[in-house]
């Protein structure tokens, strides 16, 4: 698979009449597809919706126990959820700004630049989605700590920047997985889960742009999660 195919997962290449905005929309749509299906088993488990089977009785009959009677998870984010979502937003905005820096430095060109621009726009959309969920509690600012730590990695050759970006997407995935385990509200868990699914796909595209030629090297890998305590919202 060449770089153009990797950058445009919905087709092998653009036709000459395709505009850049349409190309970016196609890339984002391809990344988002399947996210909802991926969430269904996880959300079902959290809600305790499945009945449990008790051991057979002495008479040989199997008793189907009722589902647990614990209160269902709230739909809206809790106060603790809001704090975690705020951190997630500052991380998303830092990543967006890092892509801006790479694009401004002309590290990418052609179809590859379009793909990276689409990924950049996705991170901005994630930050906006968090704002839509928590409203006035959204900080609306990037994590300067993350941005400054990564800034030097987002200039240079396309392959080098793409590899740094892929690694950062893996870090974002790991961070969101950790956050997901602490969230309570259903809306918050659904949003963060849908984000991390697509960011894993970002990592795959970026690995291909960086030159990965084997499937094992192209797939997203484990990243080291950022601790919310180490990236407080200012």
Protein backbone atom coordinates (compact mmCIF):
# COMPACT_ATOMS: atom_id res chain seq x y z
CA UNK A 1 0.00 0.00 0.00
CA UNK A 2 1.44 3.36 -0.98
CA UNK A 3 1.24 6.55 1.07
CA UNK A 4 -1.69 7.94 -0.88
CA UNK A 5 -3.74 4.80 -0.30
CA UNK A 6 -2.86 4.80 3.38
CA UNK A 7 -3.79 8.44 3.76
CA UNK A 8 -7.16 7.96 2.08
CA UNK A 9 -8.69 4.78 3.53
CA UNK A 10 -12.05 5.23 1.77
CA UNK A 11 -10.53 4.89 -1.71
CA UNK A 12 -7.25 4.03 -3.37
CA UNK A 13 -6.92 7.63 -4.56
CA UNK A 14 -8.95 10.80 -5.09
CA UNK A 15 -10.45 11.65 -8.42
CA UNK A 16 -9.33 14.94 -9.86
CA UNK A 17 -12.69 16.55 -8.99
CA UNK A 18 -12.52 15.82 -5.28
CA UNK A 19 -12.00 18.91 -3.14
CA UNK A 20 -9.74 18.89 -0.08
CA UNK A 21 -12.68 19.40 2.34
CA UNK A 22 -14.50 16.42 0.79
CA UNK A 23 -11.36 14.32 1.10
CA UNK A 24 -11.05 15.19 4.75
CA UNK A 25 -14.70 14.37 5.40
CA UNK A 26 -14.23 10.97 3.80
CA UNK A 27 -11.22 10.22 5.96
CA UNK A 28 -13.05 11.23 9.14
CA UNK A 29 -16.09 9.17 8.19
CA UNK A 30 -13.91 6.13 7.60
CA UNK A 31 -12.30 6.54 10.99
CA UNK A 32 -15.60 6.95 12.81
CA UNK A 33 -17.34 3.96 11.24
CA UNK A 34 -17.87 1.04 13.58
CA UNK A 35 -17.24 3.02 16.75
CA UNK A 36 -20.80 2.69 18.01
CA UNK A 37 -20.78 -1.09 17.54
CA UNK A 38 -17.50 -1.33 19.44
CA UNK A 39 -19.09 0.36 22.44
CA UNK A 40 -22.21 -1.76 22.80
CA UNK A 41 -20.75 -4.70 24.77
CA UNK A 42 -18.81 -2.40 27.09
CA UNK A 43 -21.77 -0.14 27.87
CA UNK A 44 -23.99 -3.16 28.34
CA UNK A 45 -21.64 -4.58 30.95
CA UNK A 46 -21.49 -1.25 32.81
CA UNK A 47 -25.28 -1.08 32.98
CA UNK A 48 -25.47 -4.59 34.43
CA UNK A 49 -28.11 -5.48 31.87
CA UNK A 50 -27.26 -9.15 31.51
CA UNK A 51 -28.94 -11.69 33.74
CA UNK A 52 -26.67 -14.12 35.56
CA UNK A 53 -27.04 -17.87 35.66
CA UNK A 54 -26.91 -19.46 39.10
CA UNK A 55 -25.50 -22.98 39.69
CA UNK A 56 -27.97 -25.85 39.20
CA UNK A 57 -30.15 -26.65 42.23
CA UNK A 58 -30.19 -30.04 43.89
CA UNK A 59 -33.13 -30.94 41.64
CA UNK A 60 -31.05 -30.36 38.57
CA UNK A 61 -32.89 -27.23 37.52
CA UNK A 62 -30.98 -24.14 36.51
CA UNK A 63 -32.14 -20.96 38.20
CA UNK A 64 -31.84 -17.72 36.28
CA UNK A 65 -31.03 -15.04 38.81
CA UNK A 66 -32.35 -11.53 38.20
CA UNK A 67 -29.98 -8.82 37.10
CA UNK A 68 -28.32 -6.89 39.92
CA UNK A 69 -30.58 -4.27 41.47
CA UNK A 70 -27.90 -1.58 41.70
CA UNK A 71 -28.93 1.82 40.45
CA UNK A 72 -28.18 2.43 36.76
CA UNK A 73 -25.29 4.69 35.85
CA UNK A 74 -26.31 8.34 35.46
CA UNK A 75 -26.59 9.69 31.93
CA UNK A 76 -24.92 13.02 32.62
CA UNK A 77 -21.27 13.34 33.76
CA UNK A 78 -20.64 13.46 37.48
CA UNK A 79 -18.46 16.13 39.07
CA UNK A 80 -15.52 13.71 39.00
CA UNK A 81 -16.26 12.91 35.35
CA UNK A 82 -16.12 16.60 34.48
CA UNK A 83 -12.63 16.92 35.95
CA UNK A 84 -11.39 14.00 33.83
CA UNK A 85 -13.12 15.27 30.70
CA UNK A 86 -11.50 18.66 31.20
CA UNK A 87 -8.07 17.03 31.23
CA UNK A 88 -8.98 15.03 28.13
CA UNK A 89 -9.92 18.25 26.34
CA UNK A 90 -6.61 19.96 27.13
CA UNK A 91 -4.81 16.91 25.73
CA UNK A 92 -6.88 16.92 22.54
CA UNK A 93 -6.20 20.62 21.99
CA UNK A 94 -2.47 20.13 22.55
CA UNK A 95 -2.43 17.39 19.92
CA UNK A 96 -4.38 19.59 17.51
CA UNK A 97 -1.84 22.39 17.94
CA UNK A 98 1.04 19.99 17.35
CA UNK A 99 -0.47 19.00 14.02
CA UNK A 100 -0.88 22.70 13.23
CA UNK A 101 2.84 23.17 13.85
CA UNK A 102 3.75 20.29 11.55
CA UNK A 103 1.46 21.51 8.79
CA UNK A 104 2.74 25.08 9.09
CA UNK A 105 6.29 23.76 8.70
CA UNK A 106 5.23 21.96 5.48
CA UNK A 107 6.33 18.60 6.83
CA UNK A 108 3.63 16.97 4.68
CA UNK A 109 2.40 17.57 1.15
CA UNK A 110 -0.25 16.37 -1.26
CA UNK A 111 -2.62 13.62 -0.19
CA UNK A 112 -0.54 13.02 2.93
CA UNK A 113 -1.07 16.61 4.04
CA UNK A 114 -4.81 16.17 3.48
CA UNK A 115 -4.85 13.05 5.66
CA UNK A 116 -2.90 14.76 8.44
CA UNK A 117 -5.20 17.78 8.21
CA UNK A 118 -8.19 15.46 8.63
CA UNK A 119 -6.61 13.95 11.74
CA UNK A 120 -5.94 17.45 13.07
CA UNK A 121 -9.58 18.39 12.51
CA UNK A 122 -10.71 15.24 14.29
CA UNK A 123 -8.86 16.24 17.45
CA UNK A 124 -10.43 19.69 17.31
CA UNK A 125 -13.84 18.05 16.90
CA UNK A 126 -13.19 15.85 19.94
CA UNK A 127 -12.39 18.92 22.03
CA UNK A 128 -15.57 20.59 20.79
CA UNK A 129 -17.59 17.48 21.66
CA UNK A 130 -16.26 17.60 25.21
CA UNK A 131 -17.27 21.27 25.40
CA UNK A 132 -20.74 20.32 24.22
CA UNK A 133 -21.00 17.74 26.98
CA UNK A 134 -19.71 19.72 29.96
CA UNK A 135 -20.43 23.27 28.83
CA UNK A 136 -18.99 26.06 30.93
CA UNK A 137 -16.80 23.58 32.82
CA UNK A 138 -14.75 22.95 29.67
CA UNK A 139 -11.35 24.68 29.96
CA UNK A 140 -11.04 25.33 26.22
CA UNK A 141 -7.23 25.49 26.39
CA UNK A 142 -4.45 23.11 25.44
CA UNK A 143 -2.08 21.40 27.82
CA UNK A 144 1.06 23.50 27.44
CA UNK A 145 3.01 20.82 29.27
CA UNK A 146 2.18 18.20 26.65
CA UNK A 147 2.59 20.62 23.75
CA UNK A 148 6.01 21.85 24.88
CA UNK A 149 7.24 18.32 25.56
CA UNK A 150 6.31 17.18 22.03
CA UNK A 151 6.88 20.33 19.98
CA UNK A 152 10.38 19.44 18.76
CA UNK A 153 9.09 16.09 17.43
CA UNK A 154 6.64 17.79 15.07
CA UNK A 155 9.10 19.34 12.66
CA UNK A 156 11.33 17.66 10.12
CA UNK A 157 10.72 14.98 7.51
CA UNK A 158 7.28 13.56 6.87
CA UNK A 159 8.38 10.11 8.06
CA UNK A 160 9.86 11.40 11.31
CA UNK A 161 6.89 13.61 12.15
CA UNK A 162 4.41 10.88 11.23
CA UNK A 163 6.17 8.45 13.56
CA UNK A 164 6.09 10.98 16.41
CA UNK A 165 2.41 11.61 15.71
CA UNK A 166 1.62 7.88 15.65
CA UNK A 167 3.35 7.45 19.00
CA UNK A 168 1.36 10.36 20.42
CA UNK A 169 -1.92 8.90 19.13
CA UNK A 170 -1.04 5.70 21.01
CA UNK A 171 -0.41 7.75 24.15
CA UNK A 172 -3.77 9.47 23.70
CA UNK A 173 -5.50 6.09 23.33
CA UNK A 174 -3.89 4.73 26.49
CA UNK A 175 -4.78 7.91 28.40
CA UNK A 176 -8.42 7.75 27.32
CA UNK A 177 -8.61 4.07 28.24
CA UNK A 178 -7.45 4.94 31.75
CA UNK A 179 -9.93 7.81 31.95
CA UNK A 180 -12.67 5.54 30.67
CA UNK A 181 -12.15 3.20 33.60
CA UNK A 182 -12.88 6.01 36.04
CA UNK A 183 -15.88 7.61 34.35
CA UNK A 184 -19.40 7.05 35.67
CA UNK A 185 -21.81 8.90 33.41
CA UNK A 186 -23.01 7.06 30.31
CA UNK A 187 -22.66 10.10 28.03
CA UNK A 188 -19.07 10.63 29.15
CA UNK A 189 -18.07 6.99 28.73
CA UNK A 190 -19.64 6.81 25.28
CA UNK A 191 -17.87 9.94 24.09
CA UNK A 192 -14.40 8.98 25.32
CA UNK A 193 -14.73 5.42 24.04
CA UNK A 194 -15.71 6.65 20.58
CA UNK A 195 -12.73 9.03 20.53
CA UNK A 196 -10.13 6.42 21.43
CA UNK A 197 -11.42 3.97 18.81
CA UNK A 198 -10.73 6.49 16.04
CA UNK A 199 -7.40 7.62 17.50
CA UNK A 200 -6.18 4.02 17.24
CA UNK A 201 -7.00 4.22 13.53
CA UNK A 202 -5.11 7.48 13.29
CA UNK A 203 -2.04 5.68 14.61
CA UNK A 204 -2.31 3.06 11.88
CA UNK A 205 -2.51 5.66 9.10
CA UNK A 206 0.43 7.58 10.55
CA UNK A 207 2.53 4.43 10.88
CA UNK A 208 1.99 3.79 7.17
CA UNK A 209 2.97 7.36 6.33
CA UNK A 210 6.09 6.87 8.47
CA UNK A 211 7.06 3.92 6.28
CA UNK A 212 5.86 0.85 8.18
CA UNK A 213 5.62 -1.97 5.64
CA UNK A 214 4.36 -4.90 7.72
CA UNK A 215 0.93 -5.24 9.32
CA UNK A 216 2.36 -5.69 12.81
CA UNK A 217 4.21 -2.38 12.52
CA UNK A 218 1.26 -0.56 10.97
CA UNK A 219 -1.23 -1.36 13.71
CA UNK A 220 -1.66 0.85 16.76
CA UNK A 221 0.44 -0.26 19.71
CA UNK A 222 0.42 0.19 23.45
CA UNK A 223 1.16 3.70 24.62
CA UNK A 224 2.05 5.00 28.06
CA UNK A 225 -0.97 6.76 29.54
CA UNK A 226 -0.66 10.30 30.81
CA UNK A 227 -1.78 10.71 34.40
CA UNK A 228 -4.42 13.41 34.87
CA UNK A 229 -2.62 14.33 38.09
CA UNK A 230 0.49 15.19 36.06
CA UNK A 231 -1.46 17.28 33.55
CA UNK A 232 -3.74 19.41 35.69
CA UNK A 233 -6.09 21.91 34.08
CA UNK A 234 -4.87 25.43 34.76
